[in-house]
PDB file of N, CA and C in Angstrom:
ATOM      1  N   ALA A   1      32.138 -13.463  -6.451  1.00  0.00           N
ATOM      2  CA  ALA A   1      30.796 -13.365  -5.872  1.00  0.00           C
ATOM      3  C   ALA A   1      30.282 -14.762  -5.526  1.00  0.00           C
ATOM      4  N   THR A   2      29.585 -14.845  -4.432  1.00  0.00           N
ATOM      5  CA  THR A   2      29.029 -16.133  -4.009  1.00  0.00           C
ATOM      6  C   THR A   2      27.619 -16.289  -4.550  1.00  0.00           C
ATOM      7  N   ASP A   3      27.078 -17.488  -4.416  1.00  0.00           N
ATOM      8  CA  ASP A   3      25.699 -17.715  -4.833  1.00  0.00           C
ATOM      9  C   ASP A   3      24.757 -16.818  -4.046  1.00  0.00           C
ATOM     10  N   GLN A   4      25.044 -16.599  -2.776  1.00  0.00           N
ATOM     11  CA  GLN A   4      24.190 -15.767  -1.934  1.00  0.00           C
ATOM     12  C   GLN A   4      24.132 -14.338  -2.474  1.00  0.00           C
ATOM     13  N   ASP A   5      25.280 -13.812  -2.938  1.00  0.00           N
ATOM     14  CA  ASP A   5      25.288 -12.468  -3.515  1.00  0.00           C
ATOM     15  C   ASP A   5      24.353 -12.411  -4.718  1.00  0.00           C
ATOM     16  N   GLY A   6      24.382 -13.433  -5.545  1.00  0.00           N
ATOM     17  CA  GLY A   6      23.518 -13.485  -6.716  1.00  0.00           C
ATOM     18  C   GLY A   6      22.055 -13.520  -6.317  1.00  0.00           C
ATOM     19  N   PHE A   7      21.738 -14.308  -5.304  1.00  0.00           N
ATOM     20  CA  PHE A   7      20.357 -14.389  -4.828  1.00  0.00           C
ATOM     21  C   PHE A   7      19.901 -13.040  -4.305  1.00  0.00           C
ATOM     22  N   GLN A   8      20.725 -12.417  -3.463  1.00  0.00           N
ATOM     23  CA  GLN A   8      20.343 -11.130  -2.871  1.00  0.00           C
ATOM     24  C   GLN A   8      20.164 -10.057  -3.946  1.00  0.00           C
ATOM     25  N   ALA A   9      21.055 -10.046  -4.918  1.00  0.00           N
ATOM     26  CA  ALA A   9      20.958  -9.059  -5.989  1.00  0.00           C
ATOM     27  C   ALA A   9      19.676  -9.260  -6.795  1.00  0.00           C
ATOM     28  N   MET A  10      19.354 -10.503  -7.117  1.00  0.00           N
ATOM     29  CA  MET A  10      18.125 -10.781  -7.870  1.00  0.00           C
ATOM     30  C   MET A  10      16.884 -10.457  -7.050  1.00  0.00           C
ATOM     31  N   LYS A  11      16.923 -10.771  -5.759  1.00  0.00           N
ATOM     32  CA  LYS A  11      15.789 -10.465  -4.879  1.00  0.00           C
ATOM     33  C   LYS A  11      15.555  -8.959  -4.836  1.00  0.00           C
ATOM     34  N   ALA A  12      16.625  -8.192  -4.678  1.00  0.00           N
ATOM     35  CA  ALA A  12      16.515  -6.733  -4.633  1.00  0.00           C
ATOM     36  C   ALA A  12      15.944  -6.199  -5.939  1.00  0.00           C
ATOM     37  N   LYS A  13      16.367  -6.779  -7.064  1.00  0.00           N
ATOM     38  CA  LYS A  13      15.878  -6.338  -8.373  1.00  0.00           C
ATOM     39  C   LYS A  13      14.384  -6.616  -8.519  1.00  0.00           C
ATOM     40  N   VAL A  14      13.948  -7.797  -8.115  1.00  0.00           N
ATOM     41  CA  VAL A  14      12.531  -8.160  -8.217  1.00  0.00           C
ATOM     42  C   VAL A  14      11.682  -7.248  -7.321  1.00  0.00           C
ATOM     43  N   ILE A  15      12.159  -6.984  -6.102  1.00  0.00           N
ATOM     44  CA  ILE A  15      11.430  -6.104  -5.190  1.00  0.00           C
ATOM     45  C   ILE A  15      11.339  -4.707  -5.793  1.00  0.00           C
ATOM     46  N   ASP A  16      12.431  -4.221  -6.353  1.00  0.00           N
ATOM     47  CA  ASP A  16      12.467  -2.901  -6.971  1.00  0.00           C
ATOM     48  C   ASP A  16      11.458  -2.809  -8.116  1.00  0.00           C
ATOM     49  N   GLU A  17      11.442  -3.834  -8.965  1.00  0.00           N
ATOM     50  CA  GLU A  17      10.506  -3.855 -10.096  1.00  0.00           C
ATOM     51  C   GLU A  17       9.063  -3.912  -9.607  1.00  0.00           C
ATOM     52  N   PHE A  18       8.804  -4.711  -8.563  1.00  0.00           N
ATOM     53  CA  PHE A  18       7.457  -4.795  -8.005  1.00  0.00           C
ATOM     54  C   PHE A  18       7.013  -3.442  -7.460  1.00  0.00           C
ATOM     55  N   GLU A  19       7.880  -2.804  -6.668  1.00  0.00           N
ATOM     56  CA  GLU A  19       7.536  -1.508  -6.067  1.00  0.00           C
ATOM     57  C   GLU A  19       7.147  -0.499  -7.144  1.00  0.00           C
ATOM     58  N   ARG A  20       7.969  -0.406  -8.178  1.00  0.00           N
ATOM     59  CA  ARG A  20       7.716   0.596  -9.224  1.00  0.00           C
ATOM     60  C   ARG A  20       6.392   0.305  -9.940  1.00  0.00           C
ATOM     61  N   ALA A  21       6.162  -0.950 -10.293  1.00  0.00           N
ATOM     62  CA  ALA A  21       4.919  -1.322 -10.980  1.00  0.00           C
ATOM     63  C   ALA A  21       3.709  -1.075 -10.075  1.00  0.00           C
ATOM     64  N   TYR A  22       3.826  -1.402  -8.793  1.00  0.00           N
ATOM     65  CA  TYR A  22       2.730  -1.209  -7.849  1.00  0.00           C
ATOM     66  C   TYR A  22       2.407   0.275  -7.701  1.00  0.00           C
ATOM     67  N   LEU A  23       3.459   1.088  -7.516  1.00  0.00           N
ATOM     68  CA  LEU A  23       3.257   2.526  -7.371  1.00  0.00           C
ATOM     69  C   LEU A  23       2.622   3.117  -8.626  1.00  0.00           C
ATOM     70  N   TYR A  24       3.096   2.700  -9.783  1.00  0.00           N
ATOM     71  CA  TYR A  24       2.550   3.202 -11.038  1.00  0.00           C
ATOM     72  C   TYR A  24       1.067   2.868 -11.145  1.00  0.00           C
ATOM     73  N   GLN A  25       0.718   1.625 -10.828  1.00  0.00           N
ATOM     74  CA  GLN A  25      -0.676   1.186 -10.938  1.00  0.00           C
ATOM     75  C   GLN A  25      -1.572   1.928  -9.956  1.00  0.00           C
ATOM     76  N   ILE A  26      -1.120   2.076  -8.717  1.00  0.00           N
ATOM     77  CA  ILE A  26      -1.964   2.711  -7.705  1.00  0.00           C
ATOM     78  C   ILE A  26      -2.112   4.211  -7.970  1.00  0.00           C
ATOM     79  N   LEU A  27      -1.054   4.846  -8.475  1.00  0.00           N
ATOM     80  CA  LEU A  27      -1.162   6.266  -8.840  1.00  0.00           C
ATOM     81  C   LEU A  27      -2.090   6.442 -10.033  1.00  0.00           C
ATOM     82  N   SER A  28      -2.053   5.515 -10.971  1.00  0.00           N
ATOM     83  CA  SER A  28      -2.964   5.575 -12.120  1.00  0.00           C
ATOM     84  C   SER A  28      -4.404   5.453 -11.651  1.00  0.00           C
ATOM     85  N   THR A  29      -4.644   4.517 -10.762  1.00  0.00           N
ATOM     86  CA  THR A  29      -5.993   4.294 -10.243  1.00  0.00           C
ATOM     87  C   THR A  29      -6.534   5.545  -9.555  1.00  0.00           C
ATOM     88  N   HIS A  30      -5.681   6.236  -8.814  1.00  0.00           N
ATOM     89  CA  HIS A  30      -6.112   7.406  -8.041  1.00  0.00           C
ATOM     90  C   HIS A  30      -5.728   8.717  -8.720  1.00  0.00           C
ATOM     91  N   ARG A  31      -5.445   8.644 -10.032  1.00  0.00           N
ATOM     92  CA  ARG A  31      -5.168   9.808 -10.873  1.00  0.00           C
ATOM     93  C   ARG A  31      -4.172  10.782 -10.252  1.00  0.00           C
ATOM     94  N   GLY A  32      -3.092  10.223  -9.685  1.00  0.00           N
ATOM     95  CA  GLY A  32      -2.013  11.053  -9.155  1.00  0.00           C
ATOM     96  C   GLY A  32      -2.246  11.610  -7.773  1.00  0.00           C
ATOM     97  N   ASN A  33      -3.374  11.273  -7.148  1.00  0.00           N
ATOM     98  CA  ASN A  33      -3.660  11.782  -5.805  1.00  0.00           C
ATOM     99  C   ASN A  33      -2.819  11.003  -4.787  1.00  0.00           C
ATOM    100  N   ILE A  34      -1.852  11.711  -4.188  1.00  0.00           N
ATOM    101  CA  ILE A  34      -0.907  11.076  -3.259  1.00  0.00           C
ATOM    102  C   ILE A  34      -1.622  10.544  -2.018  1.00  0.00           C
ATOM    103  N   SER A  35      -2.488  11.355  -1.427  1.00  0.00           N
ATOM    104  CA  SER A  35      -3.163  10.944  -0.184  1.00  0.00           C
ATOM    105  C   SER A  35      -4.009   9.693  -0.399  1.00  0.00           C
ATOM    106  N   GLN A  36      -4.800   9.681  -1.466  1.00  0.00           N
ATOM    107  CA  GLN A  36      -5.643   8.512  -1.743  1.00  0.00           C
ATOM    108  C   GLN A  36      -4.788   7.284  -2.065  1.00  0.00           C
ATOM    109  N   SER A  37      -3.736   7.491  -2.827  1.00  0.00           N
ATOM    110  CA  SER A  37      -2.861   6.378  -3.191  1.00  0.00           C
ATOM    111  C   SER A  37      -2.175   5.795  -1.965  1.00  0.00           C
ATOM    112  N   ALA A  38      -1.667   6.666  -1.099  1.00  0.00           N
ATOM    113  CA  ALA A  38      -0.989   6.208   0.119  1.00  0.00           C
ATOM    114  C   ALA A  38      -1.966   5.441   1.002  1.00  0.00           C
ATOM    115  N   ARG A  39      -3.180   5.968   1.137  1.00  0.00           N
ATOM    116  CA  ARG A  39      -4.195   5.299   1.960  1.00  0.00           C
ATOM    117  C   ARG A  39      -4.500   3.911   1.391  1.00  0.00           C
ATOM    118  N   ALA A  40      -4.663   3.820   0.077  1.00  0.00           N
ATOM    119  CA  ALA A  40      -4.966   2.543  -0.567  1.00  0.00           C
ATOM    120  C   ALA A  40      -3.805   1.553  -0.390  1.00  0.00           C
ATOM    121  N   ALA A  41      -2.584   2.063  -0.369  1.00  0.00           N
ATOM    122  CA  ALA A  41      -1.405   1.211  -0.206  1.00  0.00           C
ATOM    123  C   ALA A  41      -1.117   0.904   1.265  1.00  0.00           C
ATOM    124  N   GLN A  42      -1.896   1.524   2.141  1.00  0.00           N
ATOM    125  CA  GLN A  42      -1.715   1.371   3.591  1.00  0.00           C
ATOM    126  C   GLN A  42      -0.313   1.795   4.010  1.00  0.00           C
ATOM    127  N   LYS A  43       0.130   2.933   3.435  1.00  0.00           N
ATOM    128  CA  LYS A  43       1.423   3.521   3.773  1.00  0.00           C
ATOM    129  C   LYS A  43       1.181   4.943   4.265  1.00  0.00           C
ATOM    130  N   GLU A  44       2.064   5.424   5.145  1.00  0.00           N
ATOM    131  CA  GLU A  44       1.992   6.826   5.535  1.00  0.00           C
ATOM    132  C   GLU A  44       2.319   7.659   4.300  1.00  0.00           C
ATOM    133  N   ARG A  45       1.704   8.829   4.203  1.00  0.00           N
ATOM    134  CA  ARG A  45       1.881   9.681   3.033  1.00  0.00           C
ATOM    135  C   ARG A  45       3.361   9.992   2.779  1.00  0.00           C
ATOM    136  N   ARG A  46       4.098  10.318   3.839  1.00  0.00           N
ATOM    137  CA  ARG A  46       5.520  10.658   3.674  1.00  0.00           C
ATOM    138  C   ARG A  46       6.334   9.464   3.180  1.00  0.00           C
ATOM    139  N   ALA A  47       6.043   8.288   3.715  1.00  0.00           N
ATOM    140  CA  ALA A  47       6.742   7.077   3.276  1.00  0.00           C
ATOM    141  C   ALA A  47       6.404   6.785   1.809  1.00  0.00           C
ATOM    142  N   PHE A  48       5.154   7.014   1.444  1.00  0.00           N
ATOM    143  CA  PHE A  48       4.718   6.801   0.064  1.00  0.00           C
ATOM    144  C   PHE A  48       5.462   7.752  -0.870  1.00  0.00           C
ATOM    145  N   GLN A  49       5.587   9.015  -0.456  1.00  0.00           N
ATOM    146  CA  GLN A  49       6.310   9.987  -1.279  1.00  0.00           C
ATOM    147  C   GLN A  49       7.790   9.618  -1.422  1.00  0.00           C
ATOM    148  N   ARG A  50       8.378   9.090  -0.361  1.00  0.00           N
ATOM    149  CA  ARG A  50       9.784   8.652  -0.452  1.00  0.00           C
ATOM    150  C   ARG A  50       9.931   7.542  -1.488  1.00  0.00           C
ATOM    151  N   LEU A  51       8.969   6.614  -1.520  1.00  0.00           N
ATOM    152  CA  LEU A  51       9.001   5.542  -2.518  1.00  0.00           C
ATOM    153  C   LEU A  51       8.873   6.111  -3.932  1.00  0.00           C
ATOM    154  N   LEU A  52       7.992   7.099  -4.106  1.00  0.00           N
ATOM    155  CA  LEU A  52       7.842   7.719  -5.422  1.00  0.00           C
ATOM    156  C   LEU A  52       9.160   8.338  -5.866  1.00  0.00           C
ATOM    157  N   HIS A  53       9.802   9.037  -4.942  1.00  0.00           N
ATOM    158  CA  HIS A  53      11.077   9.684  -5.247  1.00  0.00           C
ATOM    159  C   HIS A  53      12.135   8.631  -5.597  1.00  0.00           C
ATOM    160  N   LYS A  54      12.174   7.563  -4.818  1.00  0.00           N
ATOM    161  CA  LYS A  54      13.137   6.473  -5.055  1.00  0.00           C
ATOM    162  C   LYS A  54      13.010   5.918  -6.471  1.00  0.00           C
ATOM    163  N   HIS A  55      11.775   5.844  -6.962  1.00  0.00           N
ATOM    164  CA  HIS A  55      11.522   5.243  -8.269  1.00  0.00           C
ATOM    165  C   HIS A  55      11.357   6.277  -9.381  1.00  0.00           C
ATOM    166  N   GLY A  56      11.574   7.537  -9.049  1.00  0.00           N
ATOM    167  CA  GLY A  56      11.516   8.586 -10.068  1.00  0.00           C
ATOM    168  C   GLY A  56      10.135   8.819 -10.637  1.00  0.00           C
ATOM    169  N   LEU A  57       9.111   8.559  -9.835  1.00  0.00           N
ATOM    170  CA  LEU A  57       7.734   8.774 -10.293  1.00  0.00           C
ATOM    171  C   LEU A  57       7.235  10.134  -9.801  1.00  0.00           C
ATOM    172  N   ASP A  58       6.443  10.803 -10.631  1.00  0.00           N
ATOM    173  CA  ASP A  58       5.901  12.119 -10.295  1.00  0.00           C
ATOM    174  C   ASP A  58       4.388  12.066 -10.460  1.00  0.00           C
ATOM    175  N   ARG A  59       3.675  12.511  -9.447  1.00  0.00           N
ATOM    176  CA  ARG A  59       2.215  12.444  -9.502  1.00  0.00           C
ATOM    177  C   ARG A  59       1.653  13.222 -10.688  1.00  0.00           C
ATOM    178  N   ARG A  60       2.395  14.220 -11.172  1.00  0.00           N
ATOM    179  CA  ARG A  60       1.923  15.016 -12.314  1.00  0.00           C
ATOM    180  C   ARG A  60       1.897  14.219 -13.608  1.00  0.00           C
ATOM    181  N   ASP A  61       2.533  13.035 -13.584  1.00  0.00           N
ATOM    182  CA  ASP A  61       2.483  12.167 -14.764  1.00  0.00           C
ATOM    183  C   ASP A  61       1.193  11.359 -14.830  1.00  0.00           C
ATOM    184  N   PHE A  62       0.315  11.561 -13.842  1.00  0.00           N
ATOM    185  CA  PHE A  62      -0.944  10.813 -13.759  1.00  0.00           C
ATOM    186  C   PHE A  62      -2.090  11.821 -13.707  1.00  0.00           C
ATOM    187  N   PRO A  63      -2.479  12.375 -14.851  1.00  0.00           N
ATOM    188  CA  PRO A  63      -3.478  13.451 -14.886  1.00  0.00           C
ATOM    189  C   PRO A  63      -4.813  13.052 -14.275  1.00  0.00           C
ATOM    190  N   ALA A  64      -5.422  14.029 -13.628  1.00  0.00           N
ATOM    191  CA  ALA A  64      -6.716  13.801 -12.965  1.00  0.00           C
ATOM    192  C   ALA A  64      -7.846  13.903 -13.960  1.00  0.00           C
ATOM    193  N   ALA A  65      -7.811  13.066 -14.960  1.00  0.00           N
ATOM    194  CA  ALA A  65      -8.848  12.941 -15.997  1.00  0.00           C
ATOM    195  C   ALA A  65      -9.092  14.148 -16.843  1.00  0.00           C
TER     196      ALA A  65
END
């Protein structure tokens, strides 16, 4: 493996960790509401749902109070 491979792998890992933490925080803020969360993240609802699926997050894990 080259140094570049190491950089790319670490970059991908950091981005992955950021995405998951961001999604978790925004879903918590909006109590699992996908539409509100997507709007706040400035993402299309479908793209937002794909990210949730990618990270194994379920809106039902964020109860609406």
